[in-house]
N, C-alpha and C. Protein backbone atom coordinates (compact mmCIF):
# COMPACT_ATOMS: atom_id res chain seq x y z
N MET A 1 26.39 -41.48 -17.04
CA MET A 1 26.38 -39.98 -16.73
C MET A 1 25.50 -39.84 -15.13
N ASN A 2 25.99 -40.04 -13.94
CA ASN A 2 25.59 -40.05 -12.79
C ASN A 2 24.66 -38.94 -12.33
N PHE A 3 23.69 -39.11 -11.62
CA PHE A 3 22.93 -38.16 -11.40
C PHE A 3 22.92 -37.53 -9.53
N ASN A 4 23.27 -36.69 -9.69
CA ASN A 4 23.69 -36.14 -7.93
C ASN A 4 22.52 -35.59 -7.30
N TRP A 5 21.59 -36.67 -6.81
CA TRP A 5 20.59 -36.18 -6.22
C TRP A 5 20.49 -35.54 -5.08
N LYS A 6 21.44 -35.58 -4.31
CA LYS A 6 21.84 -34.88 -3.33
C LYS A 6 22.13 -33.39 -3.47
N SER A 7 22.72 -33.07 -4.66
CA SER A 7 22.94 -31.98 -5.08
C SER A 7 21.92 -30.93 -5.35
N ALA A 8 20.80 -31.88 -6.18
CA ALA A 8 19.48 -31.62 -6.83
C ALA A 8 18.68 -31.14 -5.19
N LEU A 9 18.41 -31.65 -4.26
CA LEU A 9 18.02 -31.56 -2.81
C LEU A 9 18.46 -30.02 -2.73
N LEU A 10 19.94 -30.01 -2.30
CA LEU A 10 20.44 -29.16 -1.62
C LEU A 10 20.10 -27.74 -2.82
N ALA A 11 20.22 -27.80 -3.88
CA ALA A 11 19.72 -26.59 -4.96
C ALA A 11 18.04 -26.19 -4.46
N SER A 12 17.30 -27.17 -4.32
CA SER A 12 15.88 -26.63 -4.47
C SER A 12 15.54 -26.49 -2.62
N ALA A 13 15.93 -27.03 -1.93
CA ALA A 13 16.05 -26.37 -0.56
C ALA A 13 16.80 -25.19 -0.48
N LEU A 14 17.93 -24.37 -1.03
CA LEU A 14 18.06 -23.05 -1.27
C LEU A 14 17.13 -22.34 -1.78
N LEU A 15 16.40 -22.75 -2.98
CA LEU A 15 15.58 -21.92 -3.72
C LEU A 15 14.45 -21.94 -2.76
N ALA A 16 13.84 -22.64 -2.08
CA ALA A 16 12.97 -22.55 -1.50
C ALA A 16 12.81 -21.48 -0.21
N ALA A 17 14.23 -21.37 0.20
CA ALA A 17 14.60 -20.48 1.65
C ALA A 17 14.60 -19.45 0.70
N GLY A 18 15.41 -19.44 -0.42
CA GLY A 18 15.08 -17.74 -1.05
C GLY A 18 13.86 -16.87 -1.15
N SER A 19 12.78 -18.05 -1.33
CA SER A 19 11.41 -17.84 -1.41
C SER A 19 10.48 -17.36 -0.28
N VAL A 20 11.09 -17.60 0.96
CA VAL A 20 10.28 -17.17 2.28
C VAL A 20 10.45 -15.79 2.35
N PRO A 21 9.27 -15.13 2.18
CA PRO A 21 9.36 -13.57 2.89
C PRO A 21 9.50 -12.94 4.39
N ALA A 22 9.97 -12.21 3.98
CA ALA A 22 10.79 -11.59 5.05
C ALA A 22 9.47 -11.14 6.09
N ALA A 23 10.35 -10.90 7.36
CA ALA A 23 9.06 -10.71 8.53
C ALA A 23 8.34 -9.33 7.73
N ALA A 24 7.41 -9.09 9.01
CA ALA A 24 6.26 -7.94 8.59
C ALA A 24 6.99 -6.72 9.23
N GLY A 25 6.83 -5.45 8.63
CA GLY A 25 7.14 -4.31 9.27
C GLY A 25 6.98 -2.90 8.61
N VAL A 26 7.02 -1.79 8.96
CA VAL A 26 6.80 -0.90 8.28
C VAL A 26 8.00 -0.86 6.41
N LEU A 27 6.81 -0.67 5.54
CA LEU A 27 7.45 -0.60 3.96
C LEU A 27 7.82 1.05 3.81
N TYR A 28 7.18 1.65 4.40
CA TYR A 28 7.12 3.29 3.83
C TYR A 28 6.28 3.92 4.80
N ASN A 29 7.55 5.16 5.10
CA ASN A 29 6.89 5.98 5.85
C ASN A 29 6.88 7.41 5.69
N GLN A 30 5.87 8.42 5.64
CA GLN A 30 5.94 9.93 5.32
C GLN A 30 5.37 10.33 7.18
N PRO A 31 5.84 10.60 7.73
CA PRO A 31 5.12 11.06 9.20
C PRO A 31 4.77 12.21 9.06
N TYR A 32 3.83 12.46 9.64
CA TYR A 32 2.72 13.58 9.99
C TYR A 32 3.58 15.07 10.50
N ASP A 33 3.79 16.14 10.21
CA ASP A 33 4.85 16.95 10.32
C ASP A 33 4.49 18.11 11.00
N GLY A 34 3.61 18.24 11.88
CA GLY A 34 2.81 18.43 12.79
C GLY A 34 2.15 19.96 13.12
N ILE A 35 2.23 20.50 11.48
CA ILE A 35 2.15 21.77 11.36
C ILE A 35 0.68 21.89 11.19
N GLY A 36 -0.03 21.19 10.97
CA GLY A 36 -1.95 21.25 10.85
C GLY A 36 -2.13 21.32 9.90
N ASN A 37 -1.93 21.62 8.64
CA ASN A 37 -1.97 21.72 7.14
C ASN A 37 -2.42 20.92 6.77
N LEU A 38 -4.26 20.93 6.08
CA LEU A 38 -4.86 20.03 5.74
C LEU A 38 -5.29 20.10 4.25
N TYR A 39 -5.66 19.13 3.34
CA TYR A 39 -5.95 19.40 2.18
C TYR A 39 -7.54 18.84 1.54
N ALA A 40 -8.59 19.24 1.67
CA ALA A 40 -9.80 18.52 1.27
C ALA A 40 -9.51 17.40 0.66
N SER A 41 -10.08 15.99 1.49
CA SER A 41 -10.38 14.89 0.31
C SER A 41 -11.57 14.07 1.24
N GLN A 42 -12.86 14.39 -0.04
CA GLN A 42 -13.91 13.94 0.96
C GLN A 42 -14.87 13.43 -0.34
N ASN A 43 -15.93 12.73 0.09
CA ASN A 43 -17.21 12.51 -0.74
C ASN A 43 -18.54 13.03 0.50
N ASP A 44 -18.87 13.94 -0.37
CA ASP A 44 -20.00 14.58 0.62
C ASP A 44 -21.47 13.64 0.36
N ILE A 45 -21.69 12.74 1.38
CA ILE A 45 -22.84 11.92 1.46
C ILE A 45 -24.05 13.15 1.27
N GLY A 46 -23.74 14.27 1.82
CA GLY A 46 -25.06 15.47 1.79
C GLY A 46 -25.49 16.05 0.61
N GLY A 47 -24.82 15.67 -0.73
CA GLY A 47 -25.24 16.12 -1.94
C GLY A 47 -24.21 16.42 -2.89
N GLN A 48 -23.08 16.84 -2.36
CA GLN A 48 -21.85 17.37 -3.17
C GLN A 48 -21.27 16.12 -3.90
N GLY A 49 -21.18 15.08 -3.01
CA GLY A 49 -20.56 14.14 -3.79
C GLY A 49 -19.13 14.25 -3.88
N ASN A 50 -18.12 13.43 -4.42
CA ASN A 50 -17.05 13.08 -4.34
C ASN A 50 -16.44 14.37 -5.23
N PHE A 51 -16.26 15.49 -4.44
CA PHE A 51 -15.85 16.78 -4.79
C PHE A 51 -14.41 16.84 -4.72
N ALA A 52 -13.44 15.92 -3.89
CA ALA A 52 -12.25 16.63 -4.00
C ALA A 52 -11.56 15.01 -3.22
N THR A 53 -10.40 14.96 -3.89
CA THR A 53 -9.78 13.48 -3.66
C THR A 53 -7.90 14.10 -3.90
N VAL A 54 -7.27 13.51 -2.47
CA VAL A 54 -5.97 13.83 -2.60
C VAL A 54 -5.38 12.92 -2.96
N TYR A 55 -4.29 12.61 -3.86
CA TYR A 55 -3.04 11.31 -4.21
C TYR A 55 -1.60 11.93 -3.42
N ASP A 56 -1.11 10.69 -2.99
CA ASP A 56 0.29 10.88 -2.85
C ASP A 56 0.93 9.74 -3.40
N ASN A 57 2.01 9.90 -3.78
CA ASN A 57 2.86 8.79 -4.58
C ASN A 57 4.01 8.30 -3.68
N PHE A 58 4.45 6.97 -3.52
CA PHE A 58 5.32 5.99 -3.25
C PHE A 58 6.05 4.99 -3.92
N THR A 59 7.17 4.68 -3.64
CA THR A 59 7.71 3.48 -4.54
C THR A 59 8.43 2.55 -3.37
N LEU A 60 8.36 1.35 -3.63
CA LEU A 60 8.89 0.27 -2.63
C LEU A 60 10.44 -0.15 -3.22
N GLY A 61 11.22 -0.36 -2.25
CA GLY A 61 12.42 -0.88 -2.76
C GLY A 61 12.41 -2.50 -3.28
N GLY A 62 11.59 -2.92 -2.67
CA GLY A 62 11.39 -4.73 -3.07
C GLY A 62 9.96 -4.73 -3.14
N SER A 63 9.81 -6.26 -3.91
CA SER A 63 8.40 -6.83 -4.02
C SER A 63 7.82 -6.73 -2.52
N SER A 64 6.77 -6.25 -2.18
CA SER A 64 5.79 -6.35 -1.03
C SER A 64 4.29 -6.54 -1.20
N ILE A 65 3.81 -6.76 0.05
CA ILE A 65 2.42 -7.30 0.12
C ILE A 65 2.02 -6.19 1.44
N ILE A 66 1.26 -5.11 0.97
CA ILE A 66 1.10 -4.19 1.89
C ILE A 66 -0.20 -4.66 2.46
N ASN A 67 -0.13 -4.45 3.74
CA ASN A 67 -1.25 -5.63 4.50
C ASN A 67 -2.30 -4.02 5.29
N ASP A 68 -0.89 -3.03 5.43
CA ASP A 68 -1.90 -1.87 6.52
C ASP A 68 -1.44 -0.69 6.38
N VAL A 69 -2.63 0.65 6.43
CA VAL A 69 -2.57 1.85 6.28
C VAL A 69 -2.39 2.45 6.86
N ALA A 70 -1.81 3.45 7.43
CA ALA A 70 -2.02 4.39 8.54
C ALA A 70 -1.76 5.68 8.15
N TRP A 71 -3.04 6.80 8.45
CA TRP A 71 -2.73 8.27 8.02
C TRP A 71 -3.17 9.28 9.01
N THR A 72 -2.71 10.63 8.71
CA THR A 72 -2.97 11.84 9.89
C THR A 72 -3.79 12.65 8.75
N GLY A 73 -4.90 13.18 9.60
CA GLY A 73 -6.00 13.83 8.98
C GLY A 73 -6.75 14.59 10.47
N GLY A 74 -7.63 15.48 9.95
CA GLY A 74 -8.44 16.54 10.26
C GLY A 74 -9.55 17.37 9.79
N TYR A 75 -10.26 17.78 10.23
CA TYR A 75 -11.45 18.74 10.12
C TYR A 75 -11.36 20.13 10.20
N PHE A 76 -11.84 20.92 9.31
CA PHE A 76 -11.74 22.23 8.69
C PHE A 76 -12.90 22.71 8.10
N ASN A 77 -12.97 24.16 8.03
CA ASN A 77 -14.07 24.38 7.72
C ASN A 77 -15.79 23.95 7.88
N PRO A 78 -16.17 24.23 9.21
CA PRO A 78 -15.53 24.50 10.20
C PRO A 78 -14.74 23.79 11.10
N PRO A 79 -13.60 23.92 11.97
CA PRO A 79 -13.03 23.13 12.75
C PRO A 79 -13.84 22.79 13.37
N SER A 80 -14.83 21.69 13.25
CA SER A 80 -15.52 20.51 14.39
C SER A 80 -15.43 19.31 13.73
N GLN A 81 -15.63 18.62 14.68
CA GLN A 81 -15.64 16.97 14.04
C GLN A 81 -16.60 16.44 13.32
N GLY A 82 -16.63 16.14 12.35
CA GLY A 82 -17.68 15.56 11.57
C GLY A 82 -18.01 13.74 12.03
N THR A 83 -18.83 13.53 11.21
CA THR A 83 -19.15 11.92 11.37
C THR A 83 -19.31 11.12 10.46
N ILE A 84 -17.95 10.75 10.45
CA ILE A 84 -17.32 9.44 9.12
C ILE A 84 -18.22 8.26 8.95
N THR A 85 -18.63 8.06 7.95
CA THR A 85 -19.61 6.84 8.20
C THR A 85 -18.33 5.55 7.36
N GLN A 86 -17.49 6.08 6.41
CA GLN A 86 -16.28 4.81 5.91
C GLN A 86 -15.62 5.68 5.28
N PHE A 87 -14.44 5.00 5.25
CA PHE A 87 -13.45 5.33 4.16
C PHE A 87 -13.09 4.62 3.20
N THR A 88 -12.54 5.38 2.02
CA THR A 88 -12.16 4.79 0.43
C THR A 88 -11.08 4.72 1.01
N LEU A 89 -10.21 3.68 0.46
CA LEU A 89 -8.72 3.71 0.06
C LEU A 89 -8.32 3.48 -1.24
N THR A 90 -8.01 3.55 -1.91
CA THR A 90 -7.45 3.56 -2.89
C THR A 90 -6.23 3.60 -3.87
N PHE A 91 -5.67 2.55 -4.35
CA PHE A 91 -4.19 2.36 -4.90
C PHE A 91 -4.29 2.37 -6.44
N TRP A 92 -3.48 3.41 -7.23
CA TRP A 92 -3.49 3.86 -8.31
C TRP A 92 -2.12 3.69 -9.20
N ALA A 93 -2.48 3.35 -10.46
CA ALA A 93 -1.25 3.39 -11.06
C ALA A 93 -0.78 4.96 -11.57
N ASP A 94 0.92 4.86 -11.82
CA ASP A 94 1.35 6.14 -12.21
C ASP A 94 1.19 6.28 -13.61
N ASN A 95 0.77 7.18 -13.99
CA ASN A 95 0.45 7.51 -15.57
C ASN A 95 1.33 9.11 -15.85
N ALA A 96 2.57 9.19 -15.84
CA ALA A 96 3.49 9.89 -16.96
C ALA A 96 3.51 11.03 -15.35
N GLY A 97 3.79 10.69 -14.65
CA GLY A 97 3.84 11.51 -13.17
C GLY A 97 2.73 11.67 -12.44
N GLN A 98 1.63 11.25 -12.66
CA GLN A 98 0.20 11.83 -12.14
C GLN A 98 -0.55 10.20 -11.97
N PRO A 99 -1.33 10.43 -11.07
CA PRO A 99 -2.52 9.42 -10.78
C PRO A 99 -2.78 9.04 -12.18
N GLY A 100 -2.87 7.40 -12.17
CA GLY A 100 -3.58 7.01 -13.15
C GLY A 100 -4.93 6.06 -12.94
N GLY A 101 -4.67 4.72 -13.62
CA GLY A 101 -5.90 3.83 -13.73
C GLY A 101 -5.78 3.23 -11.79
N SER A 102 -7.18 3.30 -11.42
CA SER A 102 -7.47 2.33 -10.10
C SER A 102 -6.85 0.77 -10.06
N LEU A 103 -5.96 0.66 -9.23
CA LEU A 103 -5.53 -0.67 -9.49
C LEU A 103 -6.37 -1.62 -8.06
N ALA A 104 -6.90 -1.21 -7.18
CA ALA A 104 -7.26 -1.60 -5.98
C ALA A 104 -8.28 -0.68 -4.89
N SER A 105 -9.48 -0.93 -4.56
CA SER A 105 -9.73 0.08 -3.60
C SER A 105 -10.46 -0.97 -2.57
N PHE A 106 -10.21 -0.57 -1.20
CA PHE A 106 -10.81 -0.80 -0.03
C PHE A 106 -11.81 0.25 0.73
N ILE A 107 -12.65 -0.68 0.92
CA ILE A 107 -14.02 0.19 1.73
C ILE A 107 -13.76 -0.25 3.42
N ILE A 108 -13.43 0.97 4.11
CA ILE A 108 -13.17 0.63 5.57
C ILE A 108 -14.23 0.99 6.35
N PRO A 109 -15.26 0.62 6.97
CA PRO A 109 -16.25 1.09 7.36
C PRO A 109 -15.78 1.62 8.79
N GLY A 110 -17.02 2.52 8.68
CA GLY A 110 -16.78 3.01 9.97
C GLY A 110 -15.66 4.56 10.07
N THR A 111 -14.94 4.54 10.93
CA THR A 111 -14.05 6.12 11.15
C THR A 111 -12.53 5.61 11.28
N ALA A 112 -12.47 3.80 10.95
CA ALA A 112 -10.91 3.25 10.74
C ALA A 112 -10.17 3.83 11.86
N ASP A 113 -10.88 3.43 13.07
CA ASP A 113 -9.82 3.36 14.57
C ASP A 113 -9.34 5.20 14.51
N GLU A 114 -10.52 6.27 14.06
CA GLU A 114 -9.95 7.77 14.43
C GLU A 114 -9.68 7.84 15.92
N THR A 115 -8.53 8.43 16.16
CA THR A 115 -7.90 8.50 17.48
C THR A 115 -7.18 10.17 17.41
N LEU A 116 -7.42 11.05 18.49
CA LEU A 116 -7.20 12.03 18.94
C LEU A 116 -6.04 12.33 18.96
N LEU A 117 -5.47 13.20 18.18
CA LEU A 117 -3.78 13.10 18.26
C LEU A 117 -3.72 14.43 18.79
N GLY A 118 -4.33 15.38 18.63
CA GLY A 118 -4.49 17.06 19.40
C GLY A 118 -4.83 18.06 18.42
N GLY A 119 -5.86 18.83 19.17
CA GLY A 119 -6.48 19.76 18.24
C GLY A 119 -7.59 19.14 17.55
N LEU A 120 -7.76 19.33 16.58
CA LEU A 120 -8.72 18.66 15.46
C LEU A 120 -8.09 17.76 14.71
N ILE A 121 -6.72 16.82 15.12
CA ILE A 121 -5.99 16.21 14.13
C ILE A 121 -5.96 14.70 14.77
N TYR A 122 -6.26 14.05 13.85
CA TYR A 122 -6.50 12.46 14.12
C TYR A 122 -5.87 11.74 13.52
N THR A 123 -5.36 10.45 13.86
CA THR A 123 -4.76 9.17 13.19
C THR A 123 -5.77 8.46 13.01
N TYR A 124 -5.57 7.52 11.96
CA TYR A 124 -6.24 6.62 11.49
C TYR A 124 -5.54 5.19 10.93
N ASP A 125 -6.21 4.12 10.82
CA ASP A 125 -5.23 2.83 10.89
C ASP A 125 -6.58 1.90 9.81
N ALA A 126 -5.88 0.96 8.69
CA ALA A 126 -7.04 -0.04 8.31
C ALA A 126 -6.00 -0.75 7.52
N ALA A 127 -6.92 -2.19 7.73
CA ALA A 127 -6.11 -3.28 6.90
C ALA A 127 -6.67 -3.21 5.40
N VAL A 128 -5.43 -3.37 4.55
CA VAL A 128 -5.45 -3.36 3.00
C VAL A 128 -4.85 -5.36 2.70
N ALA A 129 -4.57 -4.82 1.62
CA ALA A 129 -4.26 -6.04 0.88
C ALA A 129 -3.46 -5.76 -0.18
N PHE A 130 -2.55 -5.09 -0.82
CA PHE A 130 -2.19 -4.98 -2.09
C PHE A 130 -0.82 -5.22 -2.41
N ALA A 131 -0.20 -5.87 -3.15
CA ALA A 131 0.88 -6.79 -3.92
C ALA A 131 1.49 -5.21 -4.92
N ALA A 132 2.70 -5.03 -4.02
CA ALA A 132 3.32 -3.55 -4.57
C ALA A 132 4.67 -4.46 -5.52
N ALA A 133 5.08 -3.85 -6.41
CA ALA A 133 6.43 -4.12 -7.41
C ALA A 133 7.32 -3.81 -7.40
N ALA A 134 8.46 -4.27 -6.96
CA ALA A 134 9.56 -3.12 -6.54
C ALA A 134 9.74 -2.66 -7.65
N GLY A 135 10.21 -0.82 -7.13
CA GLY A 135 10.69 0.16 -7.75
C GLY A 135 9.82 0.90 -9.10
N THR A 136 8.32 0.28 -8.55
CA THR A 136 7.38 1.12 -9.40
C THR A 136 6.74 2.33 -8.51
N LYS A 137 5.90 3.33 -9.05
CA LYS A 137 5.66 4.29 -8.44
C LYS A 137 4.06 3.76 -8.27
N TYR A 138 3.34 3.94 -7.11
CA TYR A 138 2.17 3.71 -6.81
C TYR A 138 1.42 5.15 -6.35
N TRP A 139 0.16 5.53 -6.77
CA TRP A 139 -0.49 6.43 -5.61
C TRP A 139 -1.39 5.89 -4.89
N LEU A 140 -1.82 6.94 -3.66
CA LEU A 140 -2.83 6.36 -2.83
C LEU A 140 -3.67 7.32 -2.76
N SER A 141 -4.59 7.52 -2.41
CA SER A 141 -5.69 8.12 -2.18
C SER A 141 -6.57 7.84 -0.88
N VAL A 142 -7.03 8.73 -0.37
CA VAL A 142 -7.85 8.54 0.90
C VAL A 142 -9.11 9.28 1.09
N GLU A 143 -10.39 8.77 1.24
CA GLU A 143 -11.64 9.69 1.15
C GLU A 143 -12.59 9.32 2.15
N PRO A 144 -12.85 9.74 2.59
CA PRO A 144 -14.01 9.81 3.96
C PRO A 144 -15.37 9.95 3.47
N ASP A 145 -16.39 8.95 3.63
CA ASP A 145 -17.53 9.49 3.59
C ASP A 145 -18.38 10.18 4.55
N MET A 146 -18.68 11.57 4.33
CA MET A 146 -19.08 12.71 5.56
C MET A 146 -19.69 13.89 4.88
N GLY A 147 -21.04 13.65 5.63
CA GLY A 147 -21.44 15.22 5.09
C GLY A 147 -20.84 16.42 5.43
N PHE A 148 -21.00 17.47 4.64
CA PHE A 148 -20.36 18.87 4.61
C PHE A 148 -21.51 19.76 4.97
N PRO A 149 -21.04 20.76 5.91
CA PRO A 149 -19.74 21.00 6.79
C PRO A 149 -19.64 20.02 7.69
N PRO A 150 -18.21 19.62 8.15
CA PRO A 150 -17.37 20.56 8.00
C PRO A 150 -16.73 19.64 6.80
N GLN A 151 -15.60 20.20 6.46
CA GLN A 151 -14.87 19.30 5.42
C GLN A 151 -13.54 18.37 6.23
N TRP A 152 -13.27 16.95 5.59
CA TRP A 152 -12.16 16.67 6.22
C TRP A 152 -10.91 16.66 5.27
N GLY A 153 -9.65 16.77 5.63
CA GLY A 153 -8.58 16.88 4.90
C GLY A 153 -7.65 16.04 5.36
N TRP A 154 -6.72 15.82 4.79
CA TRP A 154 -5.44 14.79 4.96
C TRP A 154 -4.15 15.74 5.22
N ALA A 155 -3.73 15.24 6.36
CA ALA A 155 -2.40 16.03 6.60
C ALA A 155 -1.29 16.03 6.07
N THR A 156 -0.34 16.81 6.25
CA THR A 156 1.14 17.19 5.25
C THR A 156 2.26 16.09 6.33
N SER A 157 3.01 16.15 5.30
CA SER A 157 4.54 15.83 6.01
C SER A 157 5.34 16.28 5.60
N ALA A 158 6.69 16.28 6.18
CA ALA A 158 7.57 16.93 5.65
C ALA A 158 8.89 16.01 5.35
N VAL A 159 8.37 14.80 4.74
CA VAL A 159 9.03 13.57 4.03
C VAL A 159 8.75 13.47 2.42
N GLY A 160 9.23 13.48 1.84
CA GLY A 160 8.88 12.77 0.56
C GLY A 160 9.37 13.57 -0.68
N ASP A 161 8.62 13.66 -1.78
CA ASP A 161 9.35 14.43 -3.34
C ASP A 161 8.44 15.86 -3.37
N GLY A 162 7.65 16.18 -2.75
CA GLY A 162 7.30 17.44 -2.44
C GLY A 162 5.93 17.12 -3.83
N VAL A 163 5.76 16.38 -4.19
CA VAL A 163 4.43 16.19 -5.13
C VAL A 163 3.42 15.36 -4.85
N ALA A 164 2.36 16.05 -4.71
CA ALA A 164 1.01 15.25 -4.56
C ALA A 164 0.00 15.97 -5.15
N TYR A 165 -1.26 15.25 -5.76
CA TYR A 165 -2.48 16.10 -6.64
C TYR A 165 -3.65 16.04 -5.70
N GLN A 166 -4.43 16.93 -5.88
CA GLN A 166 -5.81 17.19 -5.46
C GLN A 166 -6.88 17.17 -6.65
N ASP A 167 -7.76 16.77 -6.75
CA ASP A 167 -9.12 16.74 -7.59
C ASP A 167 -9.97 17.63 -7.03
N PHE A 168 -10.13 18.90 -7.26
CA PHE A 168 -10.90 20.01 -6.29
C PHE A 168 -12.19 20.13 -7.68
N PHE A 169 -13.73 19.34 -7.49
CA PHE A 169 -14.38 19.64 -8.64
C PHE A 169 -14.06 19.67 -9.85
N GLY A 170 -13.67 18.75 -10.23
CA GLY A 170 -13.02 18.37 -11.78
C GLY A 170 -11.86 18.82 -12.30
N ALA A 171 -11.34 19.89 -11.27
CA ALA A 171 -9.95 20.29 -11.79
C ALA A 171 -8.71 19.82 -10.74
N ARG A 172 -7.73 19.46 -11.48
CA ARG A 172 -6.34 18.40 -10.71
C ARG A 172 -5.32 20.06 -10.73
N ASN A 173 -4.62 19.68 -9.77
CA ASN A 173 -3.53 20.50 -9.30
C ASN A 173 -2.29 19.72 -8.34
N ASN A 174 -1.65 20.47 -8.72
CA ASN A 174 -0.20 19.82 -8.03
C ASN A 174 -0.02 20.74 -6.71
N LEU A 175 -0.15 19.82 -5.39
CA LEU A 175 -0.30 20.66 -4.12
C LEU A 175 1.17 21.22 -4.05
N GLY A 176 1.87 20.50 -4.41
CA GLY A 176 3.55 20.70 -3.85
C GLY A 176 3.78 20.66 -2.82
N VAL A 177 3.42 19.83 -2.06
CA VAL A 177 3.52 19.32 -0.42
C VAL A 177 3.50 17.54 -0.24
N ASP A 178 3.92 16.80 0.44
CA ASP A 178 3.38 15.48 0.99
C ASP A 178 2.91 15.37 1.65
N MET A 179 2.13 14.11 1.83
CA MET A 179 1.17 13.63 2.86
C MET A 179 1.21 12.65 3.77
N ALA A 180 0.85 12.65 4.99
CA ALA A 180 0.91 11.85 6.10
C ALA A 180 0.54 10.60 6.16
N PHE A 181 1.46 9.53 6.08
CA PHE A 181 1.07 8.05 5.42
C PHE A 181 2.02 6.92 6.04
N THR A 182 1.68 5.83 6.59
CA THR A 182 2.51 4.62 6.34
C THR A 182 2.25 3.69 5.79
N LEU A 183 2.89 2.88 5.50
CA LEU A 183 2.53 1.55 4.94
C LEU A 183 3.46 0.19 5.83
N SER A 184 2.59 -0.36 5.70
CA SER A 184 3.02 -1.61 6.80
C SER A 184 2.73 -2.95 5.80
N GLY A 185 3.80 -3.99 6.02
CA GLY A 185 3.27 -5.25 5.60
C GLY A 185 4.28 -6.29 5.19
N THR A 186 4.84 -6.83 4.36
CA THR A 186 5.59 -7.99 4.48
C THR A 186 6.57 -7.82 3.34
N SER A 187 8.20 -7.21 3.31
CA SER A 187 8.85 -7.26 2.17
C SER A 187 9.37 -8.33 1.47
N GLY A 188 10.27 -8.40 0.93
CA GLY A 188 10.85 -9.77 0.62
C GLY A 188 10.12 -10.95 -0.29
N VAL A 189 8.69 -10.19 -1.17
CA VAL A 189 8.21 -11.27 -1.64
C VAL A 189 8.56 -11.80 -2.68
N PRO A 190 8.96 -13.02 -2.98
CA PRO A 190 9.64 -13.71 -3.91
C PRO A 190 8.99 -13.43 -5.17
N GLU A 191 9.93 -13.18 -6.77
CA GLU A 191 8.93 -13.02 -7.57
C GLU A 191 8.61 -14.25 -8.41
N PRO A 192 7.79 -14.50 -9.28
CA PRO A 192 7.39 -15.65 -9.69
C PRO A 192 8.48 -16.36 -10.23
N VAL A 193 9.66 -16.05 -11.13
CA VAL A 193 10.59 -16.85 -11.33
C VAL A 193 11.29 -17.49 -10.21
N SER A 194 11.26 -17.00 -8.75
CA SER A 194 12.07 -17.89 -8.04
C SER A 194 11.24 -18.79 -7.53
N PHE A 195 9.68 -18.99 -7.51
CA PHE A 195 8.77 -20.22 -7.47
C PHE A 195 9.31 -21.43 -8.62
N SER A 196 9.26 -20.54 -9.92
CA SER A 196 9.36 -21.38 -11.25
C SER A 196 10.71 -22.34 -10.64
N LEU A 197 11.69 -21.41 -10.48
CA LEU A 197 13.04 -22.23 -9.81
C LEU A 197 13.22 -23.06 -8.93
N ALA A 198 12.31 -23.04 -8.14
CA ALA A 198 12.16 -23.76 -6.70
C ALA A 198 11.25 -25.27 -7.13
N GLY A 199 10.40 -24.88 -8.30
CA GLY A 199 9.62 -25.84 -9.28
C GLY A 199 10.36 -26.84 -9.76
N ILE A 200 11.66 -25.88 -10.54
CA ILE A 200 12.39 -26.80 -10.93
C ILE A 200 13.02 -27.88 -10.52
N GLY A 201 14.06 -27.25 -9.13
CA GLY A 201 14.56 -28.01 -8.19
C GLY A 201 13.51 -29.09 -7.36
N LEU A 202 12.69 -28.92 -7.32
CA LEU A 202 11.56 -29.85 -6.69
C LEU A 202 11.52 -31.38 -7.65
N GLY A 203 11.56 -31.03 -9.18
CA GLY A 203 11.45 -31.60 -9.71
C GLY A 203 12.36 -32.64 -9.96
N LEU A 204 13.71 -31.89 -10.14
CA LEU A 204 14.64 -32.80 -9.96
C LEU A 204 14.88 -33.79 -9.18
N VAL A 205 14.73 -33.55 -8.10
CA VAL A 205 14.76 -34.22 -6.65
C VAL A 205 13.99 -35.43 -7.24
N GLY A 206 12.76 -35.16 -7.40
CA GLY A 206 11.52 -36.10 -7.96
C GLY A 206 12.18 -37.04 -8.84
N LEU A 207 12.99 -36.74 -10.06
CA LEU A 207 13.67 -37.49 -10.75
C LEU A 207 14.48 -38.33 -10.60
N ALA A 208 15.32 -37.99 -9.69
CA ALA A 208 16.24 -38.45 -8.95
C ALA A 208 15.82 -39.77 -8.12
N ALA A 209 14.72 -39.46 -7.38
CA ALA A 209 14.07 -40.69 -6.70
C ALA A 209 13.48 -41.45 -7.98
N TRP A 210 13.07 -41.60 -8.92
CA TRP A 210 12.51 -42.31 -9.92
C TRP A 210 13.75 -42.74 -10.43
N LYS A 211 14.94 -42.42 -10.45
CA LYS A 211 15.99 -43.07 -11.27
C LYS A 211 16.33 -44.16 -10.15
N ARG A 212 16.37 -43.98 -8.78
CA ARG A 212 17.10 -45.15 -8.04
C ARG A 212 15.82 -46.12 -7.85
N ARG A 213 14.55 -45.82 -7.74
CA ARG A 213 13.60 -47.17 -7.78
C ARG A 213 13.71 -47.86 -9.25
N LYS A 214 13.98 -47.30 -10.34
CA LYS A 214 14.35 -47.76 -11.25
C LYS A 214 15.54 -48.43 -11.53
N GLN A 215 16.85 -48.31 -10.81
CA GLN A 215 17.97 -49.02 -10.79
C GLN A 215 17.54 -50.24 -10.02
N GLY A 216 16.91 -49.58 -8.75
CA GLY A 216 16.60 -50.82 -7.60
C GLY A 216 15.98 -51.84 -8.23
N ALA A 217 14.89 -51.63 -9.12
CA ALA A 217 14.41 -52.92 -9.77
C ALA A 217 14.95 -53.59 -10.99
């Protein structure tokens, strides 16, 4: 039986081409609704500690690498700008429809490119590196380190499933809203099986080359 090395080479090339990630872009978007509602999420470095954390969920249609998170928030109680020293962005697993265990956490020094949007509402942006599997529900939390008063809150979005949670002094509540954030990165990241198949194809090409050398000898 003759080994068709040209076919093996073509198969390997096709598999390798199928493993190339798609171009970077927006993966998920819940835009700010413009209302100005804010839900407290803050680590009070003045003494009360991490008294409030807000979580919102997302699910991506394809396996992706999230490399940027943008979000909207602002100040209240009183409505005056505070001094943020850093942000903590955390990705959480899902546990029966609520935030579960922590999967990855990113410390963003400074104000995360805080930019005034209007009133006391600001936009923020930070680089991360989180691998998200297709069709899997995750949760995102955003917390600034900032002395109280004032409070910092995550702003709401009109897009989503109407489910977000807040831990407030140890008590967890479903807020019944969605939070404003955007995830960007690279979609179409190949699954491990794709790399395995590509490796098989390359192995077949190597075998064909070895057979040719043997026949030549």
